[in-house]
Every structure is written in C-alpha cells, then in structure tokens.
Amino acid sequence: APTLRLVSVLVRSSEEMARVLDKFAGAGRCLLTFCAACGAAFGALPPSALPPTRKLLAVGYCACVQMCVGFILRVRTGDERAPYFHLLHIVLPFLASFLAAHAASRSSVGQNVARRGYSMRLACDEC
C-alpha cells in the first residue's frame, strides 16, 4: 500500500493532491490513531509469523516511502505542512507503537523461553 500511495502522488494533479492533504489534515487524530494501531499490530507479530529482521526492513521501507510521499507533496503542491504532517501523524506514531510492541513481544518470548527452561530443569531434577 505505501508504494501505491507513492505512485498516486506522482501521477495525480497538484490540485487533487492539495484536496487530499486537506482531508487528511481534517482527520489528523483518526489517522494518528490508525497508524499507531497498525504499528502496534505489526510489531506484536511473533517471530514465527515474520522474522524480526524482515519486520524491521518492512517498517523501514514503510517509513521511507511515507516520508517520500510527504516531500513529493510539498514539491508538487508547494504546501509546507505536507512533510511535517506525514512525519507527525503517520511515521512517528507508526514507528513508536511498532518499536514498543516489538520490544514487548521480544521480552515476552524471552520470558516464555526462560520459563520453559526453568520447568525443564525442575522436571530433570525430579528424575
């Protein structure tokens, strides 16, 4: 989806992009909440679903594309708020919630492994 967003910014007219940016600015809180929820859901994926290195690469790609969209909007429309809007309402909430959920999922996986190791030792001690 981020790549499609980048392509649409490149092919749309400047007036149409300015209208879209105005609509997004009007729904800033909703967009912020949505991006934070998406980042948290993506960050909470277990390593069995997606390896951590792949998750980090995907998140980096999404952040770069969103910032490119903001800068292209600024260049094509002349609207100075585009890069800041994308940074504050899309990229930062997504990254922050992703990193928090990723760290929480990694620590819970580590605790589960530690618990299993402890229970294995108890079982071996009883033998």
C-alpha atoms as a PDB file:
ATOM      1  CA  ALA A   1       0.000   0.000   0.000  1.00  0.00           C
ATOM      2  CA  PRO A   2       2.788   2.549   0.690  1.00  0.00           C
ATOM      3  CA  THR A   3       4.156   2.000  -2.824  1.00  0.00           C
ATOM      4  CA  LEU A   4       0.719   2.599  -4.327  1.00  0.00           C
ATOM      5  CA  ARG A   5       0.477   5.814  -2.314  1.00  0.00           C
ATOM      6  CA  LEU A   6       3.824   6.939  -3.702  1.00  0.00           C
ATOM      7  CA  VAL A   7       2.739   6.186  -7.277  1.00  0.00           C
ATOM      8  CA  SER A   8      -0.567   8.013  -6.844  1.00  0.00           C
ATOM      9  CA  VAL A   9       1.279  11.104  -5.574  1.00  0.00           C
ATOM     10  CA  LEU A  10       3.471  11.054  -8.661  1.00  0.00           C
ATOM     11  CA  VAL A  11       0.594  10.804 -11.168  1.00  0.00           C
ATOM     12  CA  ARG A  12      -2.159  12.962  -9.603  1.00  0.00           C
ATOM     13  CA  SER A  13      -2.662  16.627 -10.301  1.00  0.00           C
ATOM     14  CA  SER A  14      -1.400  19.165  -7.782  1.00  0.00           C
ATOM     15  CA  GLU A  15      -4.908  20.449  -7.049  1.00  0.00           C
ATOM     16  CA  GLU A  16      -6.209  16.965  -6.332  1.00  0.00           C
ATOM     17  CA  MET A  17      -3.290  16.244  -4.012  1.00  0.00           C
ATOM     18  CA  ALA A  18      -3.891  19.507  -2.136  1.00  0.00           C
ATOM     19  CA  ARG A  19      -7.540  18.470  -1.582  1.00  0.00           C
ATOM     20  CA  VAL A  20      -6.422  15.056  -0.293  1.00  0.00           C
ATOM     21  CA  LEU A  21      -3.945  16.672   2.100  1.00  0.00           C
ATOM     22  CA  ASP A  22      -6.719  18.943   3.394  1.00  0.00           C
ATOM     23  CA  LYS A  23      -8.944  15.900   4.000  1.00  0.00           C
ATOM     24  CA  PHE A  24      -6.127  14.115   5.840  1.00  0.00           C
ATOM     25  CA  ALA A  25      -5.417  17.202   7.943  1.00  0.00           C
ATOM     26  CA  GLY A  26      -9.078  17.311   8.960  1.00  0.00           C
ATOM     27  CA  ALA A  27      -8.889  13.712  10.138  1.00  0.00           C
ATOM     28  CA  GLY A  28      -5.469  14.011  11.786  1.00  0.00           C
ATOM     29  CA  ARG A  29      -6.404  12.334  15.067  1.00  0.00           C
ATOM     30  CA  CYS A  30      -8.071   9.426  13.331  1.00  0.00           C
ATOM     31  CA  LEU A  31      -5.071   8.964  11.061  1.00  0.00           C
ATOM     32  CA  LEU A  32      -2.705   9.156  14.028  1.00  0.00           C
ATOM     33  CA  THR A  33      -4.691   6.504  15.918  1.00  0.00           C
ATOM     34  CA  PHE A  34      -4.912   4.271  12.862  1.00  0.00           C
ATOM     35  CA  CYS A  35      -1.162   4.445  12.188  1.00  0.00           C
ATOM     36  CA  ALA A  36      -0.339   3.756  15.832  1.00  0.00           C
ATOM     37  CA  ALA A  37      -2.688   0.752  15.876  1.00  0.00           C
ATOM     38  CA  CYS A  38      -1.191  -0.621  12.657  1.00  0.00           C
ATOM     39  CA  GLY A  39       2.328  -0.227  14.022  1.00  0.00           C
ATOM     40  CA  ALA A  40       1.408  -1.980  17.259  1.00  0.00           C
ATOM     41  CA  ALA A  41      -0.294  -4.857  15.457  1.00  0.00           C
ATOM     42  CA  PHE A  42       2.647  -5.284  13.117  1.00  0.00           C
ATOM     43  CA  GLY A  43       5.192  -5.045  15.937  1.00  0.00           C
ATOM     44  CA  ALA A  44       3.372  -7.654  18.011  1.00  0.00           C
ATOM     45  CA  LEU A  45       3.671 -10.335  15.328  1.00  0.00           C
ATOM     46  CA  PRO A  46       5.536 -13.316  16.772  1.00  0.00           C
ATOM     47  CA  PRO A  47       8.883 -14.319  15.258  1.00  0.00           C
ATOM     48  CA  SER A  48       7.242 -17.480  13.908  1.00  0.00           C
ATOM     49  CA  ALA A  49       4.931 -15.344  11.727  1.00  0.00           C
ATOM     50  CA  LEU A  50       7.624 -12.965  10.477  1.00  0.00           C
ATOM     51  CA  PRO A  51      11.332 -12.944  11.405  1.00  0.00           C
ATOM     52  CA  PRO A  52      12.428  -9.811  13.290  1.00  0.00           C
ATOM     53  CA  THR A  53      14.875  -8.746  10.582  1.00  0.00           C
ATOM     54  CA  ARG A  54      12.115  -8.855   7.970  1.00  0.00           C
ATOM     55  CA  LYS A  55       9.829  -6.844  10.248  1.00  0.00           C
ATOM     56  CA  LEU A  56      12.460  -4.160  10.709  1.00  0.00           C
ATOM     57  CA  LEU A  57      13.141  -3.999   6.961  1.00  0.00           C
ATOM     58  CA  ALA A  58       9.428  -3.668   6.199  1.00  0.00           C
ATOM     59  CA  VAL A  59       8.995  -0.917   8.779  1.00  0.00           C
ATOM     60  CA  GLY A  60      11.996   0.968   7.438  1.00  0.00           C
ATOM     61  CA  TYR A  61      10.603   0.704   3.923  1.00  0.00           C
ATOM     62  CA  CYS A  62       7.170   1.981   5.006  1.00  0.00           C
ATOM     63  CA  ALA A  63       8.702   4.922   6.880  1.00  0.00           C
ATOM     64  CA  CYS A  64      10.898   5.889   3.909  1.00  0.00           C
ATOM     65  CA  VAL A  65       8.010   5.711   1.478  1.00  0.00           C
ATOM     66  CA  GLN A  66       5.759   7.821   3.704  1.00  0.00           C
ATOM     67  CA  MET A  67       8.431  10.487   4.071  1.00  0.00           C
ATOM     68  CA  CYS A  68       8.986  10.457   0.290  1.00  0.00           C
ATOM     69  CA  VAL A  69       5.243  10.979  -0.182  1.00  0.00           C
ATOM     70  CA  GLY A  70       5.377  13.973   2.164  1.00  0.00           C
ATOM     71  CA  PHE A  71       8.305  15.555   0.350  1.00  0.00           C
ATOM     72  CA  ILE A  72       6.799  14.946  -3.095  1.00  0.00           C
ATOM     73  CA  LEU A  73       3.535  16.518  -1.908  1.00  0.00           C
ATOM     74  CA  ARG A  74       5.493  19.536  -0.715  1.00  0.00           C
ATOM     75  CA  VAL A  75       7.348  19.902  -4.005  1.00  0.00           C
ATOM     76  CA  ARG A  76       4.305  19.385  -6.236  1.00  0.00           C
ATOM     77  CA  THR A  77       1.756  21.396  -4.252  1.00  0.00           C
ATOM     78  CA  GLY A  78       4.011  23.925  -2.528  1.00  0.00           C
ATOM     79  CA  ASP A  79       2.287  23.091   0.769  1.00  0.00           C
ATOM     80  CA  GLU A  80       4.841  23.344   3.575  1.00  0.00           C
ATOM     81  CA  ARG A  81       2.810  21.293   6.026  1.00  0.00           C
ATOM     82  CA  ALA A  82       2.997  18.056   3.974  1.00  0.00           C
ATOM     83  CA  PRO A  83       6.339  16.665   5.272  1.00  0.00           C
ATOM     84  CA  TYR A  84       5.569  17.614   8.862  1.00  0.00           C
ATOM     85  CA  PHE A  85       2.066  16.186   8.655  1.00  0.00           C
ATOM     86  CA  HIS A  86       3.369  12.866   7.345  1.00  0.00           C
ATOM     87  CA  LEU A  87       6.131  12.794   9.936  1.00  0.00           C
ATOM     88  CA  LEU A  88       3.967  13.690  12.955  1.00  0.00           C
ATOM     89  CA  HIS A  89       0.734  11.887  12.019  1.00  0.00           C
ATOM     90  CA  ILE A  90       1.940   8.827  10.126  1.00  0.00           C
ATOM     91  CA  VAL A  91       5.628   7.950  10.509  1.00  0.00           C
ATOM     92  CA  LEU A  92       6.331   8.712  14.178  1.00  0.00           C
ATOM     93  CA  PRO A  93       3.169   7.102  15.642  1.00  0.00           C
ATOM     94  CA  PHE A  94       3.688   4.028  13.460  1.00  0.00           C
ATOM     95  CA  LEU A  95       7.364   3.687  14.412  1.00  0.00           C
ATOM     96  CA  ALA A  96       6.825   4.362  18.114  1.00  0.00           C
ATOM     97  CA  SER A  97       3.995   1.868  18.503  1.00  0.00           C
ATOM     98  CA  PHE A  98       5.823  -0.688  16.357  1.00  0.00           C
ATOM     99  CA  LEU A  99       9.005  -0.453  18.427  1.00  0.00           C
ATOM    100  CA  ALA A 100       7.084  -0.661  21.707  1.00  0.00           C
ATOM    101  CA  ALA A 101       5.091  -3.702  20.587  1.00  0.00           C
ATOM    102  CA  HIS A 102       8.176  -5.309  19.055  1.00  0.00           C
ATOM    103  CA  ALA A 103      10.134  -4.879  22.288  1.00  0.00           C
ATOM    104  CA  ALA A 104       7.218  -6.200  24.348  1.00  0.00           C
ATOM    105  CA  SER A 105       6.778  -9.239  22.114  1.00  0.00           C
ATOM    106  CA  ARG A 106      10.512  -9.993  22.219  1.00  0.00           C
ATOM    107  CA  SER A 107      10.607  -9.745  26.014  1.00  0.00           C
ATOM    108  CA  SER A 108       7.526 -11.950  26.384  1.00  0.00           C
ATOM    109  CA  VAL A 109       9.093 -14.533  24.050  1.00  0.00           C
ATOM    110  CA  GLY A 110      12.255 -14.421  26.150  1.00  0.00           C
ATOM    111  CA  GLN A 111      10.244 -14.887  29.349  1.00  0.00           C
ATOM    112  CA  ASN A 112       8.375 -17.839  27.852  1.00  0.00           C
ATOM    113  CA  VAL A 113      11.666 -19.456  26.821  1.00  0.00           C
ATOM    114  CA  ALA A 114      13.102 -18.822  30.284  1.00  0.00           C
ATOM    115  CA  ARG A 115      10.000 -20.327  31.930  1.00  0.00           C
ATOM    116  CA  ARG A 116      10.199 -23.396  29.706  1.00  0.00           C
ATOM    117  CA  GLY A 117      13.890 -23.794  30.524  1.00  0.00           C
ATOM    118  CA  TYR A 118      13.153 -23.484  34.247  1.00  0.00           C
ATOM    119  CA  SER A 119      10.343 -26.065  34.070  1.00  0.00           C
ATOM    120  CA  MET A 120      12.623 -28.408  32.106  1.00  0.00           C
ATOM    121  CA  ARG A 121      15.272 -28.120  34.834  1.00  0.00           C
ATOM    122  CA  LEU A 122      12.667 -28.857  37.512  1.00  0.00           C
ATOM    123  CA  ALA A 123      11.485 -31.916  35.605  1.00  0.00           C
ATOM    124  CA  CYS A 124      15.078 -33.152  35.199  1.00  0.00           C
ATOM    125  CA  ASP A 125      15.832 -32.579  38.881  1.00  0.00           C
ATOM    126  CA  GLU A 126      12.888 -34.731  39.845  1.00  0.00           C
ATOM    127  CA  CYS A 127      14.166 -37.650  37.723  1.00  0.00           C
END
